[in-house]
Amino acid sequence: MNNHFRDDYSSYHVIVYDTITGKKMKGVTFQGYADNSMWARGQAWAIYGFTMAYRETRDKRFLEFAKKITNCYLKRLPSDLVPYWDFDDPEIPHALKDVSSAAIVASALIELSTFISPLEESALYLSYAKRMLNTLSKEPYRSGKVNTAFLLHSVEGKSEVMSDCSIVYADYYYIEALLRLDQLQKKS
């Protein structure tokens, strides 16, 4: 919380620490567009991780921080709720989308919604998760018969050759989100 995030609650990919003092030297983003950009999957991992940290510790600092980094992500989403691979790619709206980020966040939001009150805020996060899953379950993001994956259109990260592909963690978190939603609805 102290070193990995910018003032707007967007996340760096990696923090470089001084090996002698242990103090933060700088934040960098190897898989995103630039050091000062918000790499979508990095932000998604942070949302998921701080939600999990709260679940395991019940430390309210983690819950409050999870909400701040989630709100940073949600306010920058395009209308279909599937982010561009990096929120600051200058090629937007022609940049690649990243379904893995949407799947990770959808799963996190379902769990996060169970920890939050008031009910309106909880319902808002759950609504976002449901809408994300609905979008991911349709073309152009659903694989169908294209390949053996569930989802299409993930981005591995910044490289000389950007790839628009299926990746296992997109499918994993998509399925996890669907299962979490099913379990939550059965409890209602």
N, C-alpha and C. Protein backbone atom coordinates (compact mmCIF):
# COMPACT_ATOMS: atom_id res chain seq x y z
N MET A 1 0.83 -1.19 0.00
CA MET A 1 0.00 0.00 0.00
C MET A 1 0.87 1.26 0.00
N ASN A 2 2.01 1.18 0.63
CA ASN A 2 2.85 2.37 0.77
C ASN A 2 3.71 2.67 -0.45
N ASN A 3 4.13 1.64 -1.17
CA ASN A 3 5.10 1.86 -2.23
C ASN A 3 4.63 1.49 -3.63
N HIS A 4 3.68 0.61 -3.74
CA HIS A 4 3.34 0.03 -5.04
C HIS A 4 2.30 0.82 -5.83
N PHE A 5 1.79 1.89 -5.23
CA PHE A 5 0.68 2.61 -5.87
C PHE A 5 0.99 4.10 -6.00
N ARG A 6 0.45 4.67 -7.08
CA ARG A 6 0.57 6.10 -7.32
C ARG A 6 -0.51 6.83 -6.50
N ASP A 7 -0.47 8.14 -6.52
CA ASP A 7 -1.43 8.94 -5.77
C ASP A 7 -2.88 8.70 -6.21
N ASP A 8 -3.08 8.29 -7.47
CA ASP A 8 -4.44 8.04 -7.97
C ASP A 8 -4.91 6.61 -7.72
N TYR A 9 -4.10 5.80 -7.01
CA TYR A 9 -4.36 4.40 -6.68
C TYR A 9 -4.15 3.44 -7.83
N SER A 10 -3.48 3.87 -8.88
CA SER A 10 -3.07 2.93 -9.92
C SER A 10 -1.75 2.30 -9.49
N SER A 11 -1.52 1.09 -9.98
CA SER A 11 -0.41 0.29 -9.51
C SER A 11 0.77 0.29 -10.47
N TYR A 12 1.96 0.29 -9.90
CA TYR A 12 3.16 -0.04 -10.67
C TYR A 12 3.21 -1.55 -10.83
N HIS A 13 3.95 -2.01 -11.80
CA HIS A 13 4.15 -3.44 -11.98
C HIS A 13 5.22 -3.95 -11.01
N VAL A 14 6.30 -3.22 -10.89
CA VAL A 14 7.44 -3.63 -10.07
C VAL A 14 7.97 -2.41 -9.33
N ILE A 15 8.43 -2.62 -8.10
CA ILE A 15 9.10 -1.57 -7.34
C ILE A 15 10.57 -1.95 -7.21
N VAL A 16 11.43 -0.98 -7.47
CA VAL A 16 12.87 -1.18 -7.32
C VAL A 16 13.26 -0.57 -5.97
N TYR A 17 13.84 -1.41 -5.11
CA TYR A 17 14.27 -0.97 -3.79
C TYR A 17 15.79 -0.86 -3.73
N ASP A 18 16.27 0.04 -2.92
CA ASP A 18 17.70 0.14 -2.64
C ASP A 18 18.08 -1.08 -1.81
N THR A 19 19.06 -1.83 -2.27
CA THR A 19 19.42 -3.07 -1.59
C THR A 19 20.12 -2.84 -0.25
N ILE A 20 20.59 -1.64 -0.03
CA ILE A 20 21.25 -1.33 1.25
C ILE A 20 20.25 -0.80 2.27
N THR A 21 19.46 0.21 1.87
CA THR A 21 18.54 0.86 2.81
C THR A 21 17.15 0.25 2.84
N GLY A 22 16.78 -0.45 1.76
CA GLY A 22 15.43 -1.01 1.67
C GLY A 22 14.39 0.01 1.25
N LYS A 23 14.81 1.22 0.94
CA LYS A 23 13.87 2.27 0.55
C LYS A 23 13.53 2.16 -0.94
N LYS A 24 12.32 2.57 -1.24
CA LYS A 24 11.86 2.57 -2.63
C LYS A 24 12.70 3.55 -3.45
N MET A 25 13.19 3.05 -4.58
CA MET A 25 13.93 3.91 -5.50
C MET A 25 13.01 4.41 -6.62
N LYS A 26 12.22 3.47 -7.20
CA LYS A 26 11.32 3.86 -8.27
C LYS A 26 10.32 2.75 -8.55
N GLY A 27 9.24 3.14 -9.23
CA GLY A 27 8.26 2.18 -9.71
C GLY A 27 8.40 2.04 -11.21
N VAL A 28 8.28 0.82 -11.70
CA VAL A 28 8.38 0.56 -13.14
C VAL A 28 7.24 -0.36 -13.56
N THR A 29 7.01 -0.41 -14.85
CA THR A 29 5.93 -1.23 -15.39
C THR A 29 6.45 -1.95 -16.63
N PHE A 30 6.98 -3.15 -16.44
CA PHE A 30 7.58 -3.89 -17.55
C PHE A 30 6.54 -4.46 -18.51
N GLN A 31 5.40 -4.92 -18.03
CA GLN A 31 4.42 -5.53 -18.91
C GLN A 31 3.36 -4.56 -19.40
N GLY A 32 3.33 -3.36 -18.86
CA GLY A 32 2.39 -2.35 -19.31
C GLY A 32 3.03 -1.45 -20.36
N TYR A 33 2.30 -0.43 -20.74
CA TYR A 33 2.78 0.48 -21.79
C TYR A 33 4.00 1.28 -21.36
N ALA A 34 3.97 1.82 -20.15
CA ALA A 34 5.06 2.68 -19.69
C ALA A 34 5.10 2.66 -18.16
N ASP A 35 6.17 3.15 -17.60
CA ASP A 35 6.31 3.18 -16.15
C ASP A 35 5.21 3.98 -15.46
N ASN A 36 4.68 4.97 -16.14
CA ASN A 36 3.65 5.81 -15.53
C ASN A 36 2.23 5.44 -15.98
N SER A 37 2.08 4.28 -16.61
CA SER A 37 0.76 3.88 -17.10
C SER A 37 0.14 2.83 -16.18
N MET A 38 -1.16 2.63 -16.35
CA MET A 38 -1.87 1.63 -15.55
C MET A 38 -2.10 0.38 -16.39
N TRP A 39 -1.25 -0.60 -16.17
CA TRP A 39 -1.37 -1.90 -16.82
C TRP A 39 -2.59 -2.60 -16.25
N ALA A 40 -3.52 -2.97 -17.10
CA ALA A 40 -4.82 -3.48 -16.63
C ALA A 40 -4.69 -4.73 -15.76
N ARG A 41 -3.90 -5.70 -16.18
CA ARG A 41 -3.84 -6.93 -15.40
C ARG A 41 -3.09 -6.70 -14.08
N GLY A 42 -2.12 -5.82 -14.06
CA GLY A 42 -1.46 -5.50 -12.79
C GLY A 42 -2.43 -4.91 -11.79
N GLN A 43 -3.29 -4.01 -12.26
CA GLN A 43 -4.30 -3.42 -11.38
C GLN A 43 -5.30 -4.49 -10.95
N ALA A 44 -5.63 -5.40 -11.86
CA ALA A 44 -6.55 -6.49 -11.52
C ALA A 44 -5.97 -7.39 -10.43
N TRP A 45 -4.68 -7.73 -10.55
CA TRP A 45 -4.04 -8.56 -9.52
C TRP A 45 -4.10 -7.84 -8.17
N ALA A 46 -3.90 -6.54 -8.18
CA ALA A 46 -3.94 -5.77 -6.93
C ALA A 46 -5.33 -5.82 -6.30
N ILE A 47 -6.36 -5.63 -7.10
CA ILE A 47 -7.74 -5.68 -6.60
C ILE A 47 -8.02 -7.05 -5.99
N TYR A 48 -7.65 -8.08 -6.71
CA TYR A 48 -7.86 -9.45 -6.23
C TYR A 48 -7.05 -9.69 -4.96
N GLY A 49 -5.80 -9.28 -4.96
CA GLY A 49 -4.91 -9.54 -3.83
C GLY A 49 -5.33 -8.84 -2.56
N PHE A 50 -5.73 -7.57 -2.66
CA PHE A 50 -6.14 -6.86 -1.45
C PHE A 50 -7.49 -7.35 -0.94
N THR A 51 -8.34 -7.82 -1.84
CA THR A 51 -9.60 -8.44 -1.41
C THR A 51 -9.29 -9.72 -0.63
N MET A 52 -8.36 -10.52 -1.15
CA MET A 52 -7.95 -11.75 -0.48
C MET A 52 -7.26 -11.44 0.86
N ALA A 53 -6.45 -10.40 0.89
CA ALA A 53 -5.77 -10.03 2.14
C ALA A 53 -6.80 -9.67 3.21
N TYR A 54 -7.85 -8.97 2.80
CA TYR A 54 -8.90 -8.65 3.78
C TYR A 54 -9.60 -9.93 4.25
N ARG A 55 -9.93 -10.81 3.30
CA ARG A 55 -10.60 -12.05 3.67
C ARG A 55 -9.80 -12.82 4.73
N GLU A 56 -8.51 -12.87 4.55
CA GLU A 56 -7.67 -13.68 5.43
C GLU A 56 -7.33 -12.99 6.76
N THR A 57 -7.33 -11.66 6.78
CA THR A 57 -6.91 -10.95 8.00
C THR A 57 -8.02 -10.20 8.70
N ARG A 58 -9.05 -9.82 7.94
CA ARG A 58 -10.13 -8.96 8.43
C ARG A 58 -9.60 -7.59 8.88
N ASP A 59 -8.46 -7.22 8.36
CA ASP A 59 -7.86 -5.92 8.63
C ASP A 59 -8.54 -4.89 7.72
N LYS A 60 -9.26 -3.96 8.31
CA LYS A 60 -10.06 -2.97 7.56
C LYS A 60 -9.19 -2.12 6.62
N ARG A 61 -7.91 -1.98 6.91
CA ARG A 61 -7.03 -1.21 6.02
C ARG A 61 -6.99 -1.86 4.63
N PHE A 62 -6.97 -3.19 4.59
CA PHE A 62 -6.95 -3.89 3.31
C PHE A 62 -8.27 -3.72 2.57
N LEU A 63 -9.37 -3.76 3.28
CA LEU A 63 -10.69 -3.57 2.66
C LEU A 63 -10.81 -2.16 2.07
N GLU A 64 -10.44 -1.17 2.84
CA GLU A 64 -10.53 0.22 2.35
C GLU A 64 -9.61 0.44 1.15
N PHE A 65 -8.44 -0.16 1.20
CA PHE A 65 -7.51 0.00 0.08
C PHE A 65 -8.03 -0.75 -1.16
N ALA A 66 -8.59 -1.92 -0.95
CA ALA A 66 -9.18 -2.66 -2.07
C ALA A 66 -10.24 -1.83 -2.77
N LYS A 67 -11.05 -1.14 -2.00
CA LYS A 67 -12.09 -0.29 -2.59
C LYS A 67 -11.47 0.86 -3.39
N LYS A 68 -10.43 1.47 -2.88
CA LYS A 68 -9.80 2.60 -3.59
C LYS A 68 -9.19 2.16 -4.92
N ILE A 69 -8.48 1.03 -4.92
CA ILE A 69 -7.86 0.60 -6.17
C ILE A 69 -8.90 0.04 -7.14
N THR A 70 -9.99 -0.50 -6.60
CA THR A 70 -11.09 -0.96 -7.45
C THR A 70 -11.76 0.23 -8.13
N ASN A 71 -12.04 1.26 -7.37
CA ASN A 71 -12.70 2.44 -7.95
C ASN A 71 -11.83 3.11 -9.00
N CYS A 72 -10.52 3.10 -8.81
CA CYS A 72 -9.60 3.63 -9.81
C CYS A 72 -9.75 2.87 -11.12
N TYR A 73 -9.85 1.55 -11.04
CA TYR A 73 -10.00 0.68 -12.21
C TYR A 73 -11.36 0.88 -12.87
N LEU A 74 -12.42 0.84 -12.06
CA LEU A 74 -13.78 0.90 -12.62
C LEU A 74 -14.06 2.21 -13.34
N LYS A 75 -13.56 3.32 -12.81
CA LYS A 75 -13.87 4.61 -13.43
C LYS A 75 -13.20 4.80 -14.78
N ARG A 76 -12.23 3.98 -15.10
CA ARG A 76 -11.51 4.12 -16.37
C ARG A 76 -11.90 3.08 -17.41
N LEU A 77 -12.86 2.22 -17.09
CA LEU A 77 -13.26 1.16 -18.02
C LEU A 77 -14.02 1.70 -19.23
N PRO A 78 -13.84 1.05 -20.39
CA PRO A 78 -14.70 1.37 -21.54
C PRO A 78 -16.11 0.83 -21.31
N SER A 79 -17.01 1.16 -22.17
CA SER A 79 -18.42 0.84 -21.96
C SER A 79 -18.71 -0.65 -21.86
N ASP A 80 -17.93 -1.51 -22.52
CA ASP A 80 -18.21 -2.95 -22.43
C ASP A 80 -17.56 -3.60 -21.20
N LEU A 81 -16.86 -2.82 -20.39
CA LEU A 81 -16.24 -3.24 -19.14
C LEU A 81 -15.07 -4.19 -19.30
N VAL A 82 -14.58 -4.36 -20.51
CA VAL A 82 -13.35 -5.12 -20.76
C VAL A 82 -12.26 -4.10 -21.06
N PRO A 83 -11.26 -4.01 -20.20
CA PRO A 83 -10.27 -2.94 -20.35
C PRO A 83 -9.34 -3.16 -21.54
N TYR A 84 -8.80 -2.07 -22.01
CA TYR A 84 -7.67 -2.18 -22.91
C TYR A 84 -6.51 -2.73 -22.10
N TRP A 85 -5.57 -3.38 -22.73
CA TRP A 85 -4.48 -4.05 -22.01
C TRP A 85 -3.75 -3.09 -21.08
N ASP A 86 -3.68 -1.83 -21.46
CA ASP A 86 -3.12 -0.78 -20.61
C ASP A 86 -4.03 0.43 -20.75
N PHE A 87 -4.47 0.97 -19.64
CA PHE A 87 -5.41 2.07 -19.66
C PHE A 87 -4.85 3.34 -20.30
N ASP A 88 -3.54 3.39 -20.49
CA ASP A 88 -2.90 4.60 -21.02
C ASP A 88 -2.25 4.38 -22.39
N ASP A 89 -2.56 3.28 -23.05
CA ASP A 89 -2.02 3.04 -24.39
C ASP A 89 -2.53 4.13 -25.32
N PRO A 90 -1.64 4.84 -26.00
CA PRO A 90 -2.08 5.92 -26.89
C PRO A 90 -2.86 5.42 -28.11
N GLU A 91 -2.86 4.12 -28.34
CA GLU A 91 -3.60 3.56 -29.48
C GLU A 91 -5.10 3.39 -29.19
N ILE A 92 -5.52 3.60 -27.95
CA ILE A 92 -6.95 3.50 -27.60
C ILE A 92 -7.72 4.49 -28.47
N PRO A 93 -8.78 4.11 -29.15
CA PRO A 93 -9.61 2.91 -28.99
C PRO A 93 -9.22 1.74 -29.90
N HIS A 94 -8.06 1.80 -30.51
CA HIS A 94 -7.63 0.72 -31.40
C HIS A 94 -6.64 -0.23 -30.73
N ALA A 95 -6.41 -0.04 -29.45
CA ALA A 95 -5.51 -0.91 -28.69
C ALA A 95 -6.19 -2.24 -28.41
N LEU A 96 -5.38 -3.23 -28.06
CA LEU A 96 -5.92 -4.55 -27.74
C LEU A 96 -6.66 -4.53 -26.39
N LYS A 97 -7.68 -5.35 -26.30
CA LYS A 97 -8.41 -5.53 -25.05
C LYS A 97 -7.78 -6.70 -24.29
N ASP A 98 -8.03 -6.76 -22.97
CA ASP A 98 -7.49 -7.85 -22.16
C ASP A 98 -8.58 -8.46 -21.29
N VAL A 99 -9.12 -9.60 -21.75
CA VAL A 99 -10.19 -10.25 -20.99
C VAL A 99 -9.70 -10.83 -19.68
N SER A 100 -8.41 -11.16 -19.60
CA SER A 100 -7.93 -11.73 -18.34
C SER A 100 -8.11 -10.73 -17.20
N SER A 101 -7.89 -9.47 -17.46
CA SER A 101 -8.09 -8.44 -16.43
C SER A 101 -9.55 -8.39 -16.00
N ALA A 102 -10.44 -8.43 -16.96
CA ALA A 102 -11.87 -8.38 -16.64
C ALA A 102 -12.29 -9.61 -15.83
N ALA A 103 -11.77 -10.77 -16.17
CA ALA A 103 -12.13 -11.99 -15.45
C ALA A 103 -11.61 -11.95 -14.01
N ILE A 104 -10.38 -11.51 -13.82
CA ILE A 104 -9.80 -11.40 -12.48
C ILE A 104 -10.61 -10.43 -11.63
N VAL A 105 -10.93 -9.28 -12.20
CA VAL A 105 -11.67 -8.27 -11.45
C VAL A 105 -13.09 -8.73 -11.17
N ALA A 106 -13.73 -9.39 -12.12
CA ALA A 106 -15.10 -9.89 -11.88
C ALA A 106 -15.11 -10.83 -10.69
N SER A 107 -14.15 -11.73 -10.64
CA SER A 107 -14.08 -12.67 -9.51
C SER A 107 -13.83 -11.93 -8.20
N ALA A 108 -12.92 -10.98 -8.22
CA ALA A 108 -12.63 -10.20 -7.01
C ALA A 108 -13.84 -9.40 -6.56
N LEU A 109 -14.54 -8.80 -7.51
CA LEU A 109 -15.69 -7.97 -7.16
C LEU A 109 -16.81 -8.77 -6.50
N ILE A 110 -17.00 -9.99 -6.94
CA ILE A 110 -18.03 -10.82 -6.32
C ILE A 110 -17.69 -11.04 -4.85
N GLU A 111 -16.44 -11.39 -4.58
CA GLU A 111 -16.05 -11.58 -3.19
C GLU A 111 -16.06 -10.27 -2.42
N LEU A 112 -15.52 -9.21 -3.02
CA LEU A 112 -15.48 -7.90 -2.37
C LEU A 112 -16.88 -7.43 -2.00
N SER A 113 -17.85 -7.71 -2.85
CA SER A 113 -19.23 -7.27 -2.58
C SER A 113 -19.79 -7.89 -1.31
N THR A 114 -19.27 -9.04 -0.92
CA THR A 114 -19.77 -9.70 0.29
C THR A 114 -19.20 -9.10 1.57
N PHE A 115 -18.16 -8.29 1.44
CA PHE A 115 -17.51 -7.70 2.60
C PHE A 115 -17.95 -6.26 2.86
N ILE A 116 -18.67 -5.68 1.94
CA ILE A 116 -18.91 -4.24 1.97
C ILE A 116 -20.33 -3.91 2.38
N SER A 117 -20.42 -2.85 3.15
CA SER A 117 -21.70 -2.21 3.40
C SER A 117 -21.44 -0.71 3.22
N PRO A 118 -22.35 0.10 2.88
CA PRO A 118 -23.77 -0.19 2.82
C PRO A 118 -24.14 -1.07 1.62
N LEU A 119 -25.36 -1.53 1.65
CA LEU A 119 -25.85 -2.44 0.63
C LEU A 119 -25.73 -1.86 -0.78
N GLU A 120 -25.91 -0.55 -0.93
CA GLU A 120 -25.83 0.07 -2.25
C GLU A 120 -24.44 -0.10 -2.86
N GLU A 121 -23.41 0.07 -2.03
CA GLU A 121 -22.04 -0.07 -2.52
C GLU A 121 -21.75 -1.53 -2.87
N SER A 122 -22.20 -2.43 -2.03
CA SER A 122 -22.04 -3.85 -2.29
C SER A 122 -22.74 -4.24 -3.59
N ALA A 123 -23.96 -3.75 -3.77
CA ALA A 123 -24.73 -4.05 -4.98
C ALA A 123 -24.06 -3.48 -6.23
N LEU A 124 -23.43 -2.33 -6.10
CA LEU A 124 -22.73 -1.72 -7.24
C LEU A 124 -21.59 -2.62 -7.71
N TYR A 125 -20.77 -3.10 -6.78
CA TYR A 125 -19.66 -3.98 -7.16
C TYR A 125 -20.17 -5.28 -7.76
N LEU A 126 -21.21 -5.84 -7.18
CA LEU A 126 -21.78 -7.07 -7.71
C LEU A 126 -22.36 -6.84 -9.10
N SER A 127 -22.98 -5.71 -9.31
CA SER A 127 -23.53 -5.37 -10.62
C SER A 127 -22.42 -5.28 -11.68
N TYR A 128 -21.33 -4.64 -11.33
CA TYR A 128 -20.19 -4.59 -12.25
C TYR A 128 -19.71 -5.99 -12.59
N ALA A 129 -19.58 -6.85 -11.60
CA ALA A 129 -19.11 -8.22 -11.83
C ALA A 129 -20.05 -8.97 -12.77
N LYS A 130 -21.33 -8.86 -12.54
CA LYS A 130 -22.31 -9.55 -13.39
C LYS A 130 -22.24 -9.04 -14.82
N ARG A 131 -22.14 -7.74 -14.98
CA ARG A 131 -22.05 -7.15 -16.32
C ARG A 131 -20.76 -7.58 -17.02
N MET A 132 -19.66 -7.65 -16.28
CA MET A 132 -18.40 -8.12 -16.87
C MET A 132 -18.54 -9.56 -17.35
N LEU A 133 -19.10 -10.40 -16.51
CA LEU A 133 -19.28 -11.81 -16.88
C LEU A 133 -20.23 -11.96 -18.07
N ASN A 134 -21.24 -11.16 -18.11
CA ASN A 134 -22.17 -11.19 -19.24
C ASN A 134 -21.44 -10.83 -20.53
N THR A 135 -20.62 -9.80 -20.48
CA THR A 135 -19.86 -9.39 -21.66
C THR A 135 -18.87 -10.48 -22.08
N LEU A 136 -18.16 -11.05 -21.11
CA LEU A 136 -17.17 -12.08 -21.43
C LEU A 136 -17.81 -13.34 -22.00
N SER A 137 -19.08 -13.56 -21.70
CA SER A 137 -19.77 -14.77 -22.14
C SER A 137 -20.33 -14.66 -23.55
N LYS A 138 -20.08 -13.55 -24.21
CA LYS A 138 -20.60 -13.33 -25.55
C LYS A 138 -19.47 -13.01 -26.52
N GLU A 139 -19.81 -13.04 -27.80
CA GLU A 139 -18.84 -12.60 -28.81
C GLU A 139 -18.57 -11.12 -28.60
N PRO A 140 -17.40 -10.65 -28.83
CA PRO A 140 -16.25 -11.33 -29.44
C PRO A 140 -15.31 -11.98 -28.44
N TYR A 141 -15.69 -12.05 -27.18
CA TYR A 141 -14.76 -12.53 -26.15
C TYR A 141 -14.85 -14.02 -25.88
N ARG A 142 -16.00 -14.61 -26.12
CA ARG A 142 -16.18 -16.05 -25.91
C ARG A 142 -15.51 -16.81 -27.05
N SER A 143 -14.78 -17.84 -26.71
CA SER A 143 -14.03 -18.59 -27.72
C SER A 143 -14.94 -19.39 -28.64
N GLY A 144 -15.94 -20.03 -28.08
CA GLY A 144 -16.79 -20.88 -28.91
C GLY A 144 -15.98 -22.01 -29.51
N LYS A 145 -15.91 -22.05 -30.83
CA LYS A 145 -15.17 -23.12 -31.50
C LYS A 145 -13.84 -22.66 -32.07
N VAL A 146 -13.41 -21.46 -31.68
CA VAL A 146 -12.15 -20.93 -32.20
C VAL A 146 -10.96 -21.75 -31.70
N ASN A 147 -10.96 -22.07 -30.40
CA ASN A 147 -9.91 -22.91 -29.82
C ASN A 147 -10.47 -23.58 -28.57
N THR A 148 -9.63 -24.24 -27.80
CA THR A 148 -10.12 -24.98 -26.63
C THR A 148 -10.27 -24.11 -25.39
N ALA A 149 -9.90 -22.87 -25.46
CA ALA A 149 -10.05 -21.95 -24.32
C ALA A 149 -11.50 -21.50 -24.21
N PHE A 150 -11.84 -20.93 -23.06
CA PHE A 150 -13.16 -20.34 -22.89
C PHE A 150 -13.21 -18.92 -23.46
N LEU A 151 -12.10 -18.19 -23.28
CA LEU A 151 -12.08 -16.77 -23.64
C LEU A 151 -11.00 -16.44 -24.66
N LEU A 152 -11.29 -15.47 -25.47
CA LEU A 152 -10.34 -14.92 -26.44
C LEU A 152 -9.94 -13.51 -26.00
N HIS A 153 -8.89 -13.01 -26.58
CA HIS A 153 -8.48 -11.61 -26.46
C HIS A 153 -7.85 -11.23 -25.12
N SER A 154 -6.82 -11.96 -24.77
CA SER A 154 -5.97 -11.56 -23.65
C SER A 154 -4.65 -11.06 -24.23
N VAL A 155 -3.96 -10.27 -23.44
CA VAL A 155 -2.66 -9.75 -23.86
C VAL A 155 -1.63 -10.18 -22.84
N GLU A 156 -0.59 -10.86 -23.30
CA GLU A 156 0.46 -11.32 -22.39
C GLU A 156 1.15 -10.15 -21.70
N GLY A 157 1.46 -9.13 -22.45
CA GLY A 157 2.15 -7.96 -21.90
C GLY A 157 2.89 -7.26 -23.01
N LYS A 158 3.52 -6.18 -22.67
CA LYS A 158 4.25 -5.40 -23.66
C LYS A 158 5.43 -6.21 -24.18
N SER A 159 5.54 -6.28 -25.48
CA SER A 159 6.67 -6.95 -26.12
C SER A 159 6.81 -6.37 -27.51
N GLU A 160 7.83 -6.83 -28.20
CA GLU A 160 8.01 -6.34 -29.57
C GLU A 160 6.84 -6.75 -30.44
N VAL A 161 6.28 -7.93 -30.17
CA VAL A 161 5.11 -8.41 -30.90
C VAL A 161 3.99 -8.59 -29.90
N MET A 162 3.06 -7.64 -29.86
CA MET A 162 1.92 -7.76 -28.95
C MET A 162 1.08 -8.94 -29.39
N SER A 163 0.63 -9.72 -28.43
CA SER A 163 -0.16 -10.89 -28.80
C SER A 163 -1.59 -10.76 -28.27
N ASP A 164 -2.51 -11.11 -29.10
CA ASP A 164 -3.92 -11.18 -28.77
C ASP A 164 -4.23 -12.67 -28.73
N CYS A 165 -4.36 -13.22 -27.53
CA CYS A 165 -4.40 -14.67 -27.41
C CYS A 165 -5.34 -15.11 -26.29
N SER A 166 -5.44 -16.42 -26.15
CA SER A 166 -6.12 -17.01 -25.01
C SER A 166 -5.04 -17.38 -24.00
N ILE A 167 -5.29 -17.10 -22.72
CA ILE A 167 -4.35 -17.48 -21.68
C ILE A 167 -5.08 -18.16 -20.54
N VAL A 168 -4.41 -19.07 -19.89
CA VAL A 168 -5.05 -19.94 -18.91
C VAL A 168 -5.63 -19.15 -17.74
N TYR A 169 -4.97 -18.09 -17.29
CA TYR A 169 -5.55 -17.41 -16.14
C TYR A 169 -6.78 -16.60 -16.48
N ALA A 170 -6.98 -16.25 -17.72
CA ALA A 170 -8.26 -15.64 -18.09
C ALA A 170 -9.38 -16.66 -17.87
N ASP A 171 -9.16 -17.87 -18.37
CA ASP A 171 -10.15 -18.92 -18.20
C ASP A 171 -10.34 -19.28 -16.73
N TYR A 172 -9.26 -19.38 -15.98
CA TYR A 172 -9.35 -19.76 -14.57
C TYR A 172 -10.22 -18.77 -13.79
N TYR A 173 -9.92 -17.48 -13.91
CA TYR A 173 -10.67 -16.50 -13.13
C TYR A 173 -12.09 -16.30 -13.65
N TYR A 174 -12.30 -16.54 -14.92
CA TYR A 174 -13.65 -16.51 -15.48
C TYR A 174 -14.50 -17.61 -14.83
N ILE A 175 -13.96 -18.82 -14.80
CA ILE A 175 -14.68 -19.94 -14.20
C ILE A 175 -14.85 -19.71 -12.70
N GLU A 176 -13.80 -19.22 -12.04
CA GLU A 176 -13.91 -18.93 -10.61
C GLU A 176 -15.00 -17.90 -10.35
N ALA A 177 -15.07 -16.87 -11.18
CA ALA A 177 -16.10 -15.85 -11.01
C ALA A 177 -17.49 -16.44 -11.21
N LEU A 178 -17.66 -17.27 -12.21
CA LEU A 178 -18.96 -17.90 -12.43
C LEU A 178 -19.36 -18.77 -11.24
N LEU A 179 -18.41 -19.51 -10.71
CA LEU A 179 -18.70 -20.36 -9.54
C LEU A 179 -19.02 -19.52 -8.31
N ARG A 180 -18.27 -18.43 -8.11
CA ARG A 180 -18.54 -17.55 -6.97
C ARG A 180 -19.93 -16.94 -7.08
N LEU A 181 -20.28 -16.52 -8.28
CA LEU A 181 -21.59 -15.92 -8.48
C LEU A 181 -22.69 -16.95 -8.22
N ASP A 182 -22.49 -18.16 -8.72
CA ASP A 182 -23.47 -19.23 -8.49
C ASP A 182 -23.63 -19.51 -7.00
N GLN A 183 -22.54 -19.60 -6.26
CA GLN A 183 -22.60 -19.85 -4.82
C GLN A 183 -23.29 -18.70 -4.09
N LEU A 184 -22.99 -17.48 -4.51
CA LEU A 184 -23.61 -16.31 -3.87
C LEU A 184 -25.12 -16.31 -4.12
N GLN A 185 -25.53 -16.62 -5.34
CA GLN A 185 -26.96 -16.64 -5.66
C GLN A 185 -27.69 -17.76 -4.93
N LYS A 186 -27.02 -18.87 -4.70
CA LYS A 186 -27.65 -19.97 -3.96
C LYS A 186 -27.86 -19.63 -2.50
N LYS A 187 -27.00 -18.74 -1.94
CA LYS A 187 -27.15 -18.31 -0.55
C LYS A 187 -28.28 -17.31 -0.39
N SER A 188 -28.62 -16.60 -1.46
CA SER A 188 -29.65 -15.55 -1.39
C SER A 188 -31.04 -16.10 -1.26
